[in-house]
């Protein structure tokens, strides 16, 4: 399928936003949008593994094959769900790994705009005035706030749909990213949940710089030896 593309084909949003924690944007239904701004790192202990999700999908396919075979041996018709194409399922799993790979997020937010910078990946950006649909080289991009979750959807020309949903915890210390990929020929969505925790890059020894070719690059500084 055409969606077996390199991640570098995604456009990267280059505009800058100034985060103002005191100014909380609201959705079109006047419900407050939580402040997501800051630095976040993935919590592997609370996050899904793409391989685990793929294994679960394969097990479901194997169960369906057994049911169909048993029905055929009994001479009965089987009305189970479609199994989908295995090659496409593997391709979707590889894409899921690519789009959920970033370990670090940096979120910029003000009254008009929210931008999620993702380590070694493309940025997710949204104007917060209301639901919007923006045509792009990828297909159609859309984002909105529903009063509880921030949604991003990218529909590619070949029918692959990538959906992200972000939810901040009540205490503001965790950010949940639920990503689902839907593709023609695949019977079920490939869904991956990643949980991110807040961190302070200055306390963790991170040093971030802006570069022309790679955007914002963060590296770990070596601690100075004790005298």
Protein backbone atom coordinates (compact mmCIF):
# COMPACT_ATOMS: atom_id res chain seq x y z
CA UNK A 1 0.00 0.00 0.00
CA UNK A 2 1.02 3.58 -0.55
CA UNK A 3 1.09 4.29 3.18
CA UNK A 4 4.32 2.29 3.55
CA UNK A 5 6.22 5.56 3.28
CA UNK A 6 9.20 7.02 5.10
CA UNK A 7 8.40 9.17 8.12
CA UNK A 8 10.38 12.00 6.59
CA UNK A 9 7.59 12.52 4.05
CA UNK A 10 5.45 14.17 6.72
CA UNK A 11 5.56 17.98 6.64
CA UNK A 12 6.88 19.62 9.80
CA UNK A 13 5.14 22.76 11.08
CA UNK A 14 7.73 25.49 11.50
CA UNK A 15 5.84 28.34 13.16
CA UNK A 16 6.52 29.22 16.79
CA UNK A 17 4.09 29.68 19.65
CA UNK A 18 4.55 31.46 22.97
CA UNK A 19 2.98 29.59 25.83
CA UNK A 20 1.14 31.66 28.43
CA UNK A 21 -0.05 29.47 31.32
CA UNK A 22 -2.28 32.26 32.61
CA UNK A 23 -4.35 32.32 29.41
CA UNK A 24 -6.42 29.17 29.04
CA UNK A 25 -8.08 28.83 25.62
CA UNK A 26 -11.63 27.49 25.48
CA UNK A 27 -13.43 25.26 23.00
CA UNK A 28 -16.43 26.24 20.91
CA UNK A 29 -18.71 25.01 23.72
CA UNK A 30 -16.89 27.18 26.31
CA UNK A 31 -15.45 24.23 28.22
CA UNK A 32 -11.89 25.02 29.36
CA UNK A 33 -8.98 23.40 27.56
CA UNK A 34 -6.41 22.19 30.10
CA UNK A 35 -2.92 23.63 29.87
CA UNK A 36 -0.81 20.96 28.15
CA UNK A 37 2.26 23.15 27.74
CA UNK A 38 5.60 21.90 28.98
CA UNK A 39 7.89 18.90 28.61
CA UNK A 40 6.69 15.29 28.70
CA UNK A 41 8.48 11.93 28.61
CA UNK A 42 6.99 8.51 27.93
CA UNK A 43 6.27 6.23 30.88
CA UNK A 44 6.98 2.77 29.46
CA UNK A 45 5.55 0.99 32.49
CA UNK A 46 2.08 2.44 31.73
CA UNK A 47 2.28 2.45 27.93
CA UNK A 48 1.33 -0.07 25.26
CA UNK A 49 3.80 -1.94 23.07
CA UNK A 50 3.09 -1.98 19.32
CA UNK A 51 4.46 -5.52 19.14
CA UNK A 52 2.00 -6.59 21.85
CA UNK A 53 -0.86 -5.08 19.86
CA UNK A 54 0.34 -6.79 16.68
CA UNK A 55 0.61 -10.14 18.47
CA UNK A 56 -2.97 -9.72 19.73
CA UNK A 57 -4.17 -9.04 16.18
CA UNK A 58 -2.40 -12.14 14.87
CA UNK A 59 -3.91 -14.26 17.63
CA UNK A 60 -7.38 -12.99 16.68
CA UNK A 61 -6.73 -13.87 13.03
CA UNK A 62 -5.56 -17.36 14.04
CA UNK A 63 -8.71 -17.87 16.13
CA UNK A 64 -10.87 -16.83 13.16
CA UNK A 65 -9.01 -19.24 10.88
CA UNK A 66 -9.62 -22.09 13.33
CA UNK A 67 -13.32 -21.24 13.60
CA UNK A 68 -13.67 -21.17 9.82
CA UNK A 69 -11.84 -24.47 9.47
CA UNK A 70 -13.97 -26.14 12.15
CA UNK A 71 -17.14 -24.83 10.50
CA UNK A 72 -15.99 -26.13 7.11
CA UNK A 73 -15.24 -29.57 8.60
CA UNK A 74 -18.78 -29.69 10.00
CA UNK A 75 -20.19 -28.57 6.66
CA UNK A 76 -21.62 -25.45 8.27
CA UNK A 77 -21.42 -21.87 7.05
CA UNK A 78 -19.46 -19.42 9.18
CA UNK A 79 -20.67 -15.83 9.63
CA UNK A 80 -17.72 -14.42 11.54
CA UNK A 81 -16.13 -11.01 11.02
CA UNK A 82 -13.76 -10.49 8.07
CA UNK A 83 -10.15 -11.37 8.87
CA UNK A 84 -8.46 -8.71 6.79
CA UNK A 85 -5.22 -8.85 4.85
CA UNK A 86 -2.19 -9.97 6.88
CA UNK A 87 0.37 -8.03 4.81
CA UNK A 88 -1.65 -4.85 5.28
CA UNK A 89 -1.94 -5.57 9.01
CA UNK A 90 1.86 -5.80 9.29
CA UNK A 91 2.26 -2.57 7.30
CA UNK A 92 -0.20 -0.79 9.61
CA UNK A 93 1.71 -2.08 12.65
CA UNK A 94 4.96 -0.68 11.25
CA UNK A 95 3.26 2.66 10.65
CA UNK A 96 1.85 2.59 14.20
CA UNK A 97 5.38 2.09 15.53
CA UNK A 98 6.62 5.08 13.52
CA UNK A 99 3.89 7.51 14.54
CA UNK A 100 4.01 6.53 18.24
CA UNK A 101 7.80 6.27 18.52
CA UNK A 102 8.64 9.71 20.03
CA UNK A 103 9.71 9.44 23.66
CA UNK A 104 9.75 13.18 24.39
CA UNK A 105 7.05 15.78 23.75
CA UNK A 106 7.29 19.55 24.08
CA UNK A 107 3.94 21.35 24.02
CA UNK A 108 3.45 25.05 23.24
CA UNK A 109 0.02 26.51 23.95
CA UNK A 110 -1.62 29.93 23.99
CA UNK A 111 -5.16 31.24 23.49
CA UNK A 112 -5.07 30.64 19.73
CA UNK A 113 -2.87 27.69 19.00
CA UNK A 114 -1.44 24.46 20.35
CA UNK A 115 1.65 22.76 18.96
CA UNK A 116 3.04 19.39 20.05
CA UNK A 117 6.71 18.99 19.13
CA UNK A 118 7.59 15.29 19.03
CA UNK A 119 11.17 14.03 19.26
CA UNK A 120 12.50 13.00 15.82
CA UNK A 121 9.02 13.23 14.32
CA UNK A 122 6.56 15.67 12.77
CA UNK A 123 4.74 18.23 14.91
CA UNK A 124 1.00 18.18 15.61
CA UNK A 125 -0.54 21.65 15.47
CA UNK A 126 -4.04 22.95 16.05
CA UNK A 127 -5.80 26.32 15.94
CA UNK A 128 -8.02 26.37 19.02
CA UNK A 129 -10.86 28.52 17.66
CA UNK A 130 -12.87 25.38 16.77
CA UNK A 131 -12.85 22.29 14.58
CA UNK A 132 -10.85 22.78 11.41
CA UNK A 133 -10.00 20.74 8.34
CA UNK A 134 -6.84 21.57 6.44
CA UNK A 135 -5.92 20.01 3.06
CA UNK A 136 -2.28 19.01 2.76
CA UNK A 137 0.06 16.85 0.73
CA UNK A 138 -0.83 14.02 3.07
CA UNK A 139 -4.57 14.24 2.46
CA UNK A 140 -6.86 15.92 4.97
CA UNK A 141 -5.85 16.98 8.48
CA UNK A 142 -8.37 17.91 11.16
CA UNK A 143 -8.18 18.78 14.85
CA UNK A 144 -10.68 19.82 17.53
CA UNK A 145 -11.36 19.93 21.25
CA UNK A 146 -14.53 18.06 22.32
CA UNK A 147 -14.66 19.28 25.90
CA UNK A 148 -12.67 16.32 27.23
CA UNK A 149 -10.07 15.32 24.63
CA UNK A 150 -7.91 16.99 22.01
CA UNK A 151 -8.30 15.17 18.68
CA UNK A 152 -5.98 15.06 15.65
CA UNK A 153 -6.97 13.13 12.50
CA UNK A 154 -4.95 12.66 9.32
CA UNK A 155 -6.64 10.90 6.39
CA UNK A 156 -4.17 9.84 3.70
CA UNK A 157 -5.19 9.58 0.01
CA UNK A 158 -5.01 5.77 0.09
CA UNK A 159 -7.52 5.57 2.94
CA UNK A 160 -5.20 5.16 5.93
CA UNK A 161 -6.65 7.13 8.85
CA UNK A 162 -4.40 8.15 11.77
CA UNK A 163 -6.22 9.36 14.88
CA UNK A 164 -4.60 10.83 18.00
CA UNK A 165 -6.47 11.70 21.18
CA UNK A 166 -4.77 13.56 24.05
CA UNK A 167 -6.10 13.73 27.61
CA UNK A 168 -4.38 15.43 30.54
CA UNK A 169 -4.80 13.93 34.01
CA UNK A 170 -6.67 15.93 36.65
CA UNK A 171 -3.46 16.64 38.57
CA UNK A 172 -1.70 17.81 35.40
CA UNK A 173 1.19 15.36 35.84
CA UNK A 174 0.28 12.85 33.11
CA UNK A 175 -0.71 13.09 29.45
CA UNK A 176 -2.40 10.19 27.70
CA UNK A 177 -1.94 9.77 23.93
CA UNK A 178 -4.31 7.23 22.34
CA UNK A 179 -3.40 6.56 18.69
CA UNK A 180 -5.53 4.44 16.37
CA UNK A 181 -4.79 3.53 12.76
CA UNK A 182 -7.55 2.39 10.41
CA UNK A 183 -6.78 1.05 6.94
CA UNK A 184 -8.75 -0.55 4.09
CA UNK A 185 -8.30 -4.31 4.19
CA UNK A 186 -7.72 -4.47 7.97
CA UNK A 187 -10.60 -5.77 10.08
CA UNK A 188 -9.68 -3.93 13.27
CA UNK A 189 -7.94 -0.73 14.28
CA UNK A 190 -4.35 -0.83 15.46
CA UNK A 191 -4.52 1.13 18.72
CA UNK A 192 -1.59 2.17 20.91
CA UNK A 193 -1.78 4.07 24.21
CA UNK A 194 1.23 6.03 25.39
CA UNK A 195 1.33 7.69 28.81
CA UNK A 196 3.65 10.67 29.28
CA UNK A 197 4.79 12.23 32.55
CA UNK A 198 5.90 15.81 33.09
CA UNK A 199 9.59 16.46 33.53
CA UNK A 200 11.85 19.48 33.92
CA UNK A 201 14.63 19.35 31.28
CA UNK A 202 16.90 21.55 33.39
CA UNK A 203 16.74 19.13 36.31
CA UNK A 204 17.22 16.09 34.09
CA UNK A 205 20.35 17.47 32.43
CA UNK A 206 18.77 18.09 29.01
CA UNK A 207 20.08 20.91 26.85
CA UNK A 208 17.91 21.97 23.89
CA UNK A 209 19.03 24.06 20.92
CA UNK A 210 17.33 25.22 17.73
CA UNK A 211 18.95 24.10 14.46
CA UNK A 212 18.13 24.99 10.86
CA UNK A 213 18.12 21.44 9.56
CA UNK A 214 16.67 19.43 12.47
CA UNK A 215 14.59 21.96 14.39
CA UNK A 216 14.77 21.68 18.18
CA UNK A 217 17.41 19.14 19.27
CA UNK A 218 17.72 18.03 22.89
CA UNK A 219 20.78 16.27 24.26
CA UNK A 220 21.80 15.04 27.69
CA UNK A 221 24.58 16.99 29.36
CA UNK A 222 27.21 15.10 31.28
CA UNK A 223 27.31 15.98 34.94
CA UNK A 224 30.46 17.77 36.03
CA UNK A 225 32.84 15.60 38.09
CA UNK A 226 33.03 16.29 41.82
CA UNK A 227 36.20 17.94 42.97
